[in-house]
Amino acid sequence: MQLVYDSESFAVMVVEIPAGGETAARGAFESVDKRGHRDIFLEGVLAETFKAGAVTLMASRPSEDDIDDYIGRFTDVGHQPLVLH
């Protein structure tokens, strides 16, 4: 797991999921919505969509608010409340 973004609102980590056999490893993203207290895990097509949009966004030299707004679009898929033990 590698932290790739951290702001007051969100933290985003890249997660490499090892594959078995001849299948290549696949990437996923875990995002922590710090204000909404939710953990969002994106994999598969959703992770690919997230990554493609992030790459496009980063090419425009966005502000932190722009990045947070983009990540915030994906928080609706997060149904897991963040609980610290």
N, C-alpha and C. Protein backbone atom coordinates (compact mmCIF):
# COMPACT_ATOMS: atom_id res chain seq x y z
N MET A 1 0.86 -1.16 0.00
CA MET A 1 0.00 0.00 0.00
C MET A 1 0.91 1.23 0.00
N GLN A 2 0.58 2.19 -0.85
CA GLN A 2 1.37 3.40 -0.96
C GLN A 2 0.45 4.61 -0.93
N LEU A 3 0.73 5.54 -0.04
CA LEU A 3 -0.04 6.78 0.05
C LEU A 3 0.30 7.65 -1.15
N VAL A 4 -0.72 8.05 -1.92
CA VAL A 4 -0.47 8.88 -3.10
C VAL A 4 -1.11 10.26 -2.99
N TYR A 5 -1.99 10.45 -2.00
CA TYR A 5 -2.62 11.76 -1.82
C TYR A 5 -3.08 11.88 -0.38
N ASP A 6 -2.88 13.08 0.19
CA ASP A 6 -3.32 13.33 1.56
C ASP A 6 -3.68 14.80 1.70
N SER A 7 -4.91 15.07 2.10
CA SER A 7 -5.37 16.43 2.35
C SER A 7 -6.18 16.43 3.65
N GLU A 8 -6.75 17.55 3.99
CA GLU A 8 -7.60 17.61 5.19
C GLU A 8 -8.85 16.76 5.03
N SER A 9 -9.27 16.53 3.79
CA SER A 9 -10.52 15.82 3.53
C SER A 9 -10.33 14.35 3.18
N PHE A 10 -9.26 14.03 2.46
CA PHE A 10 -9.10 12.67 1.94
C PHE A 10 -7.66 12.19 2.04
N ALA A 11 -7.52 10.89 2.11
CA ALA A 11 -6.24 10.21 1.91
C ALA A 11 -6.50 9.09 0.91
N VAL A 12 -5.61 8.93 -0.06
CA VAL A 12 -5.78 7.91 -1.09
C VAL A 12 -4.51 7.06 -1.14
N MET A 13 -4.71 5.75 -1.10
CA MET A 13 -3.62 4.81 -1.18
C MET A 13 -3.81 3.90 -2.40
N VAL A 14 -2.70 3.54 -3.03
CA VAL A 14 -2.71 2.54 -4.10
C VAL A 14 -2.46 1.20 -3.44
N VAL A 15 -3.26 0.22 -3.80
CA VAL A 15 -3.14 -1.12 -3.25
C VAL A 15 -2.88 -2.07 -4.41
N GLU A 16 -1.78 -2.81 -4.34
CA GLU A 16 -1.50 -3.83 -5.34
C GLU A 16 -2.03 -5.17 -4.82
N ILE A 17 -2.93 -5.77 -5.57
CA ILE A 17 -3.51 -7.05 -5.18
C ILE A 17 -2.78 -8.13 -5.96
N PRO A 18 -2.01 -8.97 -5.27
CA PRO A 18 -1.28 -10.01 -5.98
C PRO A 18 -2.23 -11.00 -6.65
N ALA A 19 -1.81 -11.45 -7.78
CA ALA A 19 -2.62 -12.41 -8.53
C ALA A 19 -2.01 -13.80 -8.41
N GLY A 20 -2.84 -14.77 -8.57
CA GLY A 20 -2.36 -16.15 -8.53
C GLY A 20 -2.15 -16.66 -9.94
N GLY A 21 -1.26 -17.61 -10.07
CA GLY A 21 -1.04 -18.25 -11.38
C GLY A 21 -0.43 -17.30 -12.38
N GLU A 22 -0.98 -17.31 -13.59
CA GLU A 22 -0.44 -16.51 -14.67
C GLU A 22 -1.12 -15.15 -14.80
N THR A 23 -2.07 -14.86 -13.94
CA THR A 23 -2.78 -13.59 -13.99
C THR A 23 -1.90 -12.48 -13.42
N ALA A 24 -1.90 -11.34 -14.07
CA ALA A 24 -1.11 -10.20 -13.60
C ALA A 24 -1.77 -9.60 -12.36
N ALA A 25 -0.94 -8.99 -11.52
CA ALA A 25 -1.46 -8.29 -10.35
C ALA A 25 -2.36 -7.16 -10.81
N ARG A 26 -3.32 -6.83 -9.99
CA ARG A 26 -4.22 -5.73 -10.36
C ARG A 26 -4.15 -4.65 -9.29
N GLY A 27 -4.38 -3.43 -9.72
CA GLY A 27 -4.32 -2.31 -8.81
C GLY A 27 -5.70 -1.93 -8.30
N ALA A 28 -5.71 -1.39 -7.13
CA ALA A 28 -6.94 -0.90 -6.51
C ALA A 28 -6.59 0.37 -5.75
N PHE A 29 -7.61 1.07 -5.31
CA PHE A 29 -7.40 2.28 -4.54
C PHE A 29 -8.24 2.21 -3.28
N GLU A 30 -7.67 2.68 -2.20
CA GLU A 30 -8.42 2.84 -0.96
C GLU A 30 -8.40 4.31 -0.62
N SER A 31 -9.57 4.87 -0.40
CA SER A 31 -9.71 6.28 -0.09
C SER A 31 -10.38 6.41 1.27
N VAL A 32 -9.83 7.27 2.09
CA VAL A 32 -10.42 7.55 3.39
C VAL A 32 -11.03 8.95 3.33
N ASP A 33 -12.33 9.01 3.51
CA ASP A 33 -13.06 10.27 3.59
C ASP A 33 -12.98 10.72 5.05
N LYS A 34 -12.07 11.62 5.34
CA LYS A 34 -11.80 12.01 6.72
C LYS A 34 -12.98 12.74 7.36
N ARG A 35 -13.69 13.51 6.59
CA ARG A 35 -14.82 14.28 7.15
C ARG A 35 -16.09 13.44 7.26
N GLY A 36 -16.26 12.53 6.31
CA GLY A 36 -17.44 11.66 6.32
C GLY A 36 -17.23 10.37 7.09
N HIS A 37 -16.00 10.16 7.56
CA HIS A 37 -15.65 8.97 8.33
C HIS A 37 -16.01 7.69 7.60
N ARG A 38 -15.58 7.65 6.32
CA ARG A 38 -15.85 6.46 5.50
C ARG A 38 -14.57 6.00 4.82
N ASP A 39 -14.51 4.71 4.61
CA ASP A 39 -13.42 4.09 3.89
C ASP A 39 -13.99 3.56 2.58
N ILE A 40 -13.39 3.94 1.45
CA ILE A 40 -13.89 3.55 0.15
C ILE A 40 -12.83 2.72 -0.54
N PHE A 41 -13.17 1.51 -0.97
CA PHE A 41 -12.24 0.64 -1.68
C PHE A 41 -12.72 0.51 -3.11
N LEU A 42 -11.85 0.89 -4.06
CA LEU A 42 -12.19 0.83 -5.48
C LEU A 42 -11.31 -0.20 -6.16
N GLU A 43 -11.93 -1.13 -6.87
CA GLU A 43 -11.16 -2.10 -7.64
C GLU A 43 -11.88 -2.37 -8.95
N GLY A 44 -11.20 -3.06 -9.83
CA GLY A 44 -11.80 -3.41 -11.11
C GLY A 44 -12.04 -2.20 -11.99
N VAL A 45 -13.17 -2.21 -12.66
CA VAL A 45 -13.52 -1.14 -13.59
C VAL A 45 -13.61 0.20 -12.87
N LEU A 46 -14.13 0.20 -11.67
CA LEU A 46 -14.24 1.46 -10.93
C LEU A 46 -12.87 2.04 -10.61
N ALA A 47 -11.91 1.20 -10.26
CA ALA A 47 -10.54 1.66 -10.00
C ALA A 47 -9.91 2.20 -11.28
N GLU A 48 -10.15 1.54 -12.40
CA GLU A 48 -9.61 2.01 -13.68
C GLU A 48 -10.21 3.36 -14.05
N THR A 49 -11.50 3.53 -13.82
CA THR A 49 -12.17 4.80 -14.09
C THR A 49 -11.60 5.90 -13.20
N PHE A 50 -11.42 5.59 -11.92
CA PHE A 50 -10.86 6.54 -10.97
C PHE A 50 -9.46 6.97 -11.42
N LYS A 51 -8.62 6.01 -11.77
CA LYS A 51 -7.24 6.30 -12.18
C LYS A 51 -7.21 7.15 -13.45
N ALA A 52 -7.99 6.77 -14.45
CA ALA A 52 -8.01 7.52 -15.71
C ALA A 52 -8.44 8.97 -15.49
N GLY A 53 -9.45 9.16 -14.68
CA GLY A 53 -9.91 10.52 -14.38
C GLY A 53 -8.87 11.31 -13.60
N ALA A 54 -8.18 10.64 -12.67
CA ALA A 54 -7.15 11.31 -11.87
C ALA A 54 -5.97 11.73 -12.75
N VAL A 55 -5.58 10.87 -13.68
CA VAL A 55 -4.47 11.20 -14.58
C VAL A 55 -4.84 12.42 -15.43
N THR A 56 -6.05 12.43 -15.96
CA THR A 56 -6.52 13.57 -16.75
C THR A 56 -6.56 14.84 -15.90
N LEU A 57 -7.07 14.73 -14.69
CA LEU A 57 -7.16 15.88 -13.80
C LEU A 57 -5.76 16.42 -13.47
N MET A 58 -4.82 15.54 -13.17
CA MET A 58 -3.48 15.98 -12.78
C MET A 58 -2.77 16.70 -13.92
N ALA A 59 -3.12 16.40 -15.15
CA ALA A 59 -2.50 17.07 -16.30
C ALA A 59 -2.87 18.55 -16.34
N SER A 60 -3.95 18.92 -15.68
CA SER A 60 -4.40 20.32 -15.70
C SER A 60 -3.87 21.13 -14.51
N ARG A 61 -2.97 20.54 -13.73
CA ARG A 61 -2.40 21.19 -12.55
C ARG A 61 -3.49 21.72 -11.61
N PRO A 62 -4.31 20.82 -11.08
CA PRO A 62 -5.47 21.21 -10.27
C PRO A 62 -5.07 21.71 -8.88
N SER A 63 -5.99 22.43 -8.28
CA SER A 63 -5.82 22.85 -6.89
C SER A 63 -6.21 21.67 -5.98
N GLU A 64 -5.90 21.81 -4.70
CA GLU A 64 -6.30 20.76 -3.75
C GLU A 64 -7.82 20.62 -3.71
N ASP A 65 -8.52 21.73 -3.82
CA ASP A 65 -9.99 21.67 -3.84
C ASP A 65 -10.50 20.89 -5.06
N ASP A 66 -9.86 21.09 -6.21
CA ASP A 66 -10.26 20.36 -7.42
C ASP A 66 -10.07 18.86 -7.22
N ILE A 67 -8.94 18.48 -6.63
CA ILE A 67 -8.66 17.07 -6.39
C ILE A 67 -9.65 16.49 -5.39
N ASP A 68 -9.90 17.22 -4.30
CA ASP A 68 -10.87 16.76 -3.31
C ASP A 68 -12.26 16.61 -3.92
N ASP A 69 -12.65 17.53 -4.78
CA ASP A 69 -13.95 17.43 -5.44
C ASP A 69 -14.02 16.17 -6.30
N TYR A 70 -12.94 15.87 -7.02
CA TYR A 70 -12.92 14.67 -7.85
C TYR A 70 -13.04 13.42 -6.99
N ILE A 71 -12.24 13.32 -5.95
CA ILE A 71 -12.31 12.15 -5.07
C ILE A 71 -13.68 12.05 -4.43
N GLY A 72 -14.26 13.18 -4.06
CA GLY A 72 -15.58 13.21 -3.44
C GLY A 72 -16.67 12.60 -4.29
N ARG A 73 -16.50 12.61 -5.60
CA ARG A 73 -17.49 11.99 -6.49
C ARG A 73 -17.60 10.49 -6.27
N PHE A 74 -16.56 9.90 -5.73
CA PHE A 74 -16.54 8.45 -5.54
C PHE A 74 -16.98 8.03 -4.14
N THR A 75 -17.28 8.98 -3.27
CA THR A 75 -17.63 8.62 -1.89
C THR A 75 -18.99 7.96 -1.78
N ASP A 76 -19.85 8.14 -2.77
CA ASP A 76 -21.17 7.52 -2.71
C ASP A 76 -21.09 6.00 -2.77
N VAL A 77 -19.98 5.46 -3.29
CA VAL A 77 -19.85 4.00 -3.32
C VAL A 77 -19.39 3.45 -1.99
N GLY A 78 -18.97 4.32 -1.09
CA GLY A 78 -18.46 3.88 0.21
C GLY A 78 -19.57 3.73 1.22
N HIS A 79 -19.80 2.51 1.64
CA HIS A 79 -20.83 2.25 2.64
C HIS A 79 -20.24 1.76 3.95
N GLN A 80 -18.91 1.72 4.01
CA GLN A 80 -18.23 1.20 5.19
C GLN A 80 -17.82 2.38 6.09
N PRO A 81 -18.43 2.53 7.26
CA PRO A 81 -18.01 3.61 8.15
C PRO A 81 -16.59 3.36 8.65
N LEU A 82 -15.86 4.44 8.82
CA LEU A 82 -14.49 4.33 9.33
C LEU A 82 -14.53 4.28 10.84
N VAL A 83 -14.00 3.21 11.42
CA VAL A 83 -13.98 3.03 12.86
C VAL A 83 -12.56 2.74 13.28
N LEU A 84 -12.07 3.50 14.22
CA LEU A 84 -10.71 3.26 14.74
C LEU A 84 -10.78 2.36 15.95
N HIS A 85 -9.89 1.39 16.01
CA HIS A 85 -9.88 0.45 17.14
C HIS A 85 -8.73 0.80 18.06
